[in-house]
Amino acid sequence: MSRHVLVTGAARGIGRAIAVAFAEAGDRVAVHYGSRREEAEETLRLLPGDGHLAVRADLRDPAAAAGLVDTVVERLGGVDVLVNNAAVNLPHPIADTPFDAWADVWRETLDVNVLGAAYVGHRAARHMIDHGVRGRIVNVGSRGAFKGEPDHPAYGASKAALHAMGQSLAVALAPHGIGVASVAPGFVTTERVAHRLDDQVRAQSPFGRVAAPEEVAAAVRFLASPEAEWASGTVLDLNGASHLR
């Protein structure tokens, strides 16, 4: 059965791969973007099937985040799956970053990576509850939540918060038949980190490489499947054995 899927931050990279994976499974997909309109439209062109849409929203704004879900419900007919993928990752090593810049990065990162996901998650969950949808929420976290991000500490902290929020919601939403899980990728071959993917980074994994976006997308699609209900509360490591816990 076709489902209605909202993927935030789907203009490129992991988000685009996730959107494609759901569309290939026959689902109708809403591609959210913040500022990358042309790239979001390219994602839309890559999706097999009909009935997909691209929607812009600033997730830092609670009203805009709620409006995003409302628009998707109206235009797709509902939300069965939410993938919280939108994120910012700005460098700010503490020894080299002035206080004002440090404060700005922390606010921007938490506004998008944590609060934006919380706003969209609440609206989507309320829709699922009110309409008796046994839906799924999957959060795209990071290995950095566990391994540490010395040059991007706000990013690491935000992803740890996202994992924790997901586990709290997994307990709260289970009585409504809604599953919530997270993935925690290591490095992935995306445009955002291409400049960092040197031999030293690849050597972090005993496989001698980093992940492809499609590998993350496959895990997200499984965790969003009806068969994955018992995985609710999971934080799934996807780092090629580069960090074990």
Protein backbone atom coordinates (compact mmCIF):
# COMPACT_ATOMS: atom_id res chain seq x y z
CA MET A 1 0.00 0.00 0.00
CA SER A 2 1.27 3.46 -0.88
CA ARG A 3 2.05 5.70 2.08
CA HIS A 4 2.46 9.44 2.50
CA VAL A 5 6.03 10.31 3.50
CA LEU A 6 7.51 13.66 4.59
CA VAL A 7 11.31 13.94 4.43
CA THR A 8 12.79 17.13 5.85
CA GLY A 9 16.02 18.47 4.38
CA ALA A 10 15.54 16.42 1.21
CA ALA A 11 17.06 18.81 -1.35
CA ARG A 12 20.27 16.80 -1.62
CA GLY A 13 22.54 14.24 0.06
CA ILE A 14 21.06 11.77 2.53
CA GLY A 15 17.63 13.40 2.38
CA ARG A 16 17.47 13.04 -1.38
CA ALA A 17 18.47 9.37 -1.17
CA ILE A 18 15.78 8.76 1.44
CA ALA A 19 13.12 10.44 -0.69
CA VAL A 20 14.13 8.33 -3.70
CA ALA A 21 14.06 5.12 -1.63
CA PHE A 22 10.48 5.70 -0.48
CA ALA A 23 9.33 6.72 -3.96
CA GLU A 24 10.89 3.57 -5.41
CA ALA A 25 8.78 1.60 -2.93
CA GLY A 26 5.65 3.20 -4.37
CA ASP A 27 5.13 5.85 -1.70
CA ARG A 28 4.15 9.48 -2.31
CA VAL A 29 6.84 11.78 -0.98
CA ALA A 30 6.91 15.40 0.22
CA VAL A 31 10.39 16.87 -0.31
CA HIS A 32 11.02 19.58 2.28
CA TYR A 33 13.69 22.22 1.75
CA GLY A 34 14.76 25.41 3.44
CA SER A 35 16.62 27.46 0.86
CA ARG A 36 17.83 25.06 -1.86
CA ARG A 37 14.87 25.32 -4.19
CA GLU A 38 16.63 24.23 -7.39
CA GLU A 39 18.15 21.20 -5.70
CA ALA A 40 14.79 20.28 -4.17
CA GLU A 41 13.19 20.46 -7.60
CA GLU A 42 15.94 18.18 -8.90
CA THR A 43 15.13 15.71 -6.13
CA LEU A 44 11.51 15.88 -7.21
CA ARG A 45 12.48 15.08 -10.80
CA LEU A 46 14.41 12.02 -9.61
CA LEU A 47 11.42 10.47 -7.82
CA PRO A 48 9.68 7.66 -9.69
CA GLY A 49 5.89 7.64 -9.63
CA ASP A 50 3.35 10.43 -9.36
CA GLY A 51 1.89 12.75 -6.77
CA HIS A 52 5.12 13.94 -5.10
CA LEU A 53 5.65 17.55 -4.05
CA ALA A 54 8.31 19.97 -2.82
CA VAL A 55 7.52 22.28 0.10
CA ARG A 56 9.62 25.08 1.54
CA ALA A 57 9.60 25.86 5.26
CA ASP A 58 11.94 27.47 7.79
CA LEU A 59 11.98 24.88 10.55
CA ARG A 60 13.35 27.42 13.04
CA ASP A 61 9.88 29.00 13.04
CA PRO A 62 7.33 26.92 14.98
CA ALA A 63 4.42 28.20 12.88
CA ALA A 64 6.25 27.42 9.63
CA ALA A 65 7.18 23.94 10.86
CA ALA A 66 3.57 23.21 11.79
CA GLY A 67 2.42 24.69 8.49
CA LEU A 68 4.75 22.34 6.64
CA VAL A 69 2.92 19.31 8.05
CA ASP A 70 -0.46 20.90 7.43
CA THR A 71 0.46 21.54 3.78
CA VAL A 72 1.64 17.97 3.31
CA VAL A 73 -1.52 16.58 4.90
CA GLU A 74 -3.66 18.74 2.63
CA ARG A 75 -1.79 18.04 -0.59
CA LEU A 76 -0.81 14.39 -0.08
CA GLY A 77 -3.82 13.36 1.94
CA GLY A 78 -1.97 12.61 5.18
CA VAL A 79 1.37 11.78 6.78
CA ASP A 80 2.16 8.14 7.50
CA VAL A 81 5.92 8.52 7.81
CA LEU A 82 8.04 11.46 8.97
CA VAL A 83 11.80 11.45 8.46
CA ASN A 84 13.54 14.19 10.44
CA ASN A 85 16.66 14.68 8.33
CA ALA A 86 17.10 18.48 8.11
CA ALA A 87 20.24 19.68 9.85
CA VAL A 88 22.96 22.29 9.89
CA ASN A 89 26.59 21.49 10.71
CA LEU A 90 28.76 24.58 11.09
CA PRO A 91 32.41 24.44 12.22
CA HIS A 92 33.16 26.25 15.51
CA PRO A 93 36.23 24.82 17.31
CA ILE A 94 36.18 26.36 20.75
CA ALA A 95 39.82 27.52 20.73
CA ASP A 96 39.37 29.51 17.52
CA THR A 97 35.78 30.77 17.69
CA PRO A 98 34.88 34.16 19.26
CA PHE A 99 32.09 34.08 21.82
CA ASP A 100 29.46 35.84 19.70
CA ALA A 101 30.06 33.50 16.76
CA TRP A 102 30.04 30.51 19.13
CA ALA A 103 26.67 31.56 20.54
CA ASP A 104 25.22 32.12 17.07
CA VAL A 105 26.25 28.65 15.87
CA TRP A 106 24.81 26.94 18.92
CA ARG A 107 21.48 28.75 18.54
CA GLU A 108 21.26 28.05 14.79
CA THR A 109 22.17 24.39 15.23
CA LEU A 110 19.74 23.68 18.04
CA ASP A 111 16.96 25.66 16.35
CA VAL A 112 17.13 23.48 13.23
CA ASN A 113 18.45 20.13 14.39
CA VAL A 114 16.48 19.76 17.62
CA LEU A 115 13.66 22.29 17.88
CA GLY A 116 12.71 22.03 14.20
CA ALA A 117 12.47 18.25 14.52
CA ALA A 118 10.42 18.66 17.70
CA TYR A 119 7.98 21.06 16.04
CA VAL A 120 7.47 18.91 12.94
CA GLY A 121 7.39 15.75 15.03
CA HIS A 122 4.63 17.06 17.27
CA ARG A 123 2.43 18.14 14.37
CA ALA A 124 2.94 14.88 12.49
CA ALA A 125 2.36 12.75 15.60
CA ARG A 126 -0.85 14.62 16.42
CA HIS A 127 -2.10 13.99 12.88
CA MET A 128 -1.30 10.29 13.22
CA ILE A 129 -3.03 10.05 16.60
CA ASP A 130 -6.10 11.97 15.54
CA HIS A 131 -6.56 9.86 12.40
CA GLY A 132 -5.66 6.47 13.87
CA VAL A 133 -2.53 6.15 11.73
CA ARG A 134 -0.04 3.53 12.90
CA GLY A 135 2.75 5.70 11.57
CA ARG A 136 6.48 5.95 11.83
CA ILE A 137 8.95 8.69 12.75
CA VAL A 138 12.61 8.16 11.90
CA ASN A 139 15.29 10.64 12.99
CA VAL A 140 18.61 10.97 11.17
CA GLY A 141 21.13 11.42 13.96
CA SER A 142 24.88 10.93 13.91
CA ARG A 143 27.82 8.89 15.15
CA GLY A 144 29.05 12.24 16.48
CA ALA A 145 26.50 12.04 19.27
CA PHE A 146 28.63 9.25 20.78
CA LYS A 147 32.13 9.73 19.34
CA GLY A 148 32.29 13.48 19.82
CA GLU A 149 32.62 16.36 17.36
CA PRO A 150 35.57 18.53 18.51
CA ASP A 151 35.24 21.01 15.63
CA HIS A 152 31.42 20.82 15.51
CA PRO A 153 30.36 20.42 19.17
CA ALA A 154 26.89 21.92 18.71
CA TYR A 155 26.19 19.40 15.95
CA GLY A 156 27.24 16.46 18.14
CA ALA A 157 25.15 17.73 21.05
CA SER A 158 22.14 18.33 18.82
CA LYS A 159 22.26 14.80 17.47
CA ALA A 160 22.52 13.36 20.98
CA ALA A 161 19.42 15.37 21.84
CA LEU A 162 17.66 14.11 18.72
CA HIS A 163 18.39 10.49 19.67
CA ALA A 164 17.10 11.11 23.20
CA MET A 165 13.97 12.83 21.94
CA GLY A 166 13.30 9.89 19.64
CA GLN A 167 13.53 7.42 22.48
CA SER A 168 11.22 9.50 24.67
CA LEU A 169 8.67 9.73 21.85
CA ALA A 170 8.99 5.99 21.18
CA VAL A 171 7.66 5.32 24.68
CA ALA A 172 5.02 8.05 24.52
CA LEU A 173 3.65 7.10 21.09
CA ALA A 174 3.72 3.30 21.31
CA PRO A 175 0.21 3.14 22.84
CA HIS A 176 -0.99 4.84 19.66
CA GLY A 177 0.72 2.29 17.42
CA ILE A 178 3.35 4.80 16.28
CA GLY A 179 6.98 3.67 16.11
CA VAL A 180 9.92 6.06 16.53
CA ALA A 181 13.55 5.20 15.80
CA SER A 182 16.82 6.87 14.84
CA VAL A 183 19.84 6.13 12.70
CA ALA A 184 23.33 7.30 13.63
CA PRO A 185 25.52 7.43 10.50
CA GLY A 186 29.20 8.11 10.43
CA PHE A 187 30.69 9.87 7.43
CA VAL A 188 28.57 9.65 4.27
CA THR A 189 29.54 10.66 0.73
CA THR A 190 27.49 13.85 0.44
CA GLU A 191 28.20 17.29 -0.97
CA ARG A 192 28.36 18.78 2.52
CA VAL A 193 31.35 16.73 3.70
CA ALA A 194 33.06 15.85 0.40
CA HIS A 195 36.02 18.11 1.25
CA ARG A 196 36.63 16.14 4.47
CA LEU A 197 36.65 12.62 3.00
CA ASP A 198 40.37 11.95 2.84
CA ASP A 199 42.20 8.63 3.31
CA GLN A 200 42.41 9.20 7.06
CA VAL A 201 38.64 9.49 7.34
CA ARG A 202 38.08 6.41 5.17
CA ALA A 203 40.53 4.47 7.33
CA GLN A 204 38.33 5.01 10.39
CA SER A 205 36.28 2.04 9.19
CA PRO A 206 37.90 -1.39 8.76
CA PHE A 207 36.07 -1.50 5.42
CA GLY A 208 38.31 1.35 4.30
CA ARG A 209 35.48 3.54 3.03
CA VAL A 210 32.58 5.73 4.11
CA ALA A 211 28.87 5.11 3.59
CA ALA A 212 26.85 5.87 0.49
CA PRO A 213 23.65 7.88 1.04
CA GLU A 214 21.66 4.93 -0.29
CA GLU A 215 22.88 2.76 2.58
CA VAL A 216 21.46 5.21 5.10
CA ALA A 217 18.25 5.45 3.08
CA ALA A 218 17.81 1.67 3.14
CA ALA A 219 18.06 1.62 6.93
CA VAL A 220 15.60 4.49 7.27
CA ARG A 221 13.11 2.78 4.98
CA PHE A 222 13.34 -0.42 7.04
CA LEU A 223 12.81 1.42 10.34
CA ALA A 224 9.78 3.13 8.79
CA SER A 225 8.27 -0.15 7.60
CA PRO A 226 5.27 -1.84 9.24
CA GLU A 227 7.55 -4.81 10.01
CA ALA A 228 9.88 -2.66 12.13
CA GLU A 229 7.46 -1.85 14.94
CA TRP A 230 9.55 -3.81 17.44
CA ALA A 231 12.57 -1.67 16.56
CA SER A 232 10.87 1.39 18.04
CA GLY A 233 13.25 3.16 20.41
CA THR A 234 16.28 1.96 18.47
CA VAL A 235 19.29 4.12 17.68
CA LEU A 236 20.86 2.18 14.81
CA ASP A 237 24.60 2.69 14.28
CA LEU A 238 25.57 3.01 10.61
CA ASN A 239 29.29 3.64 10.72
CA GLY A 240 31.01 0.59 9.24
CA ALA A 241 32.42 -0.46 12.64
CA SER A 242 34.31 2.84 12.86
CA HIS A 243 32.93 3.45 16.37
CA LEU A 244 31.61 0.72 18.63
CA ARG A 245 29.61 1.24 21.81
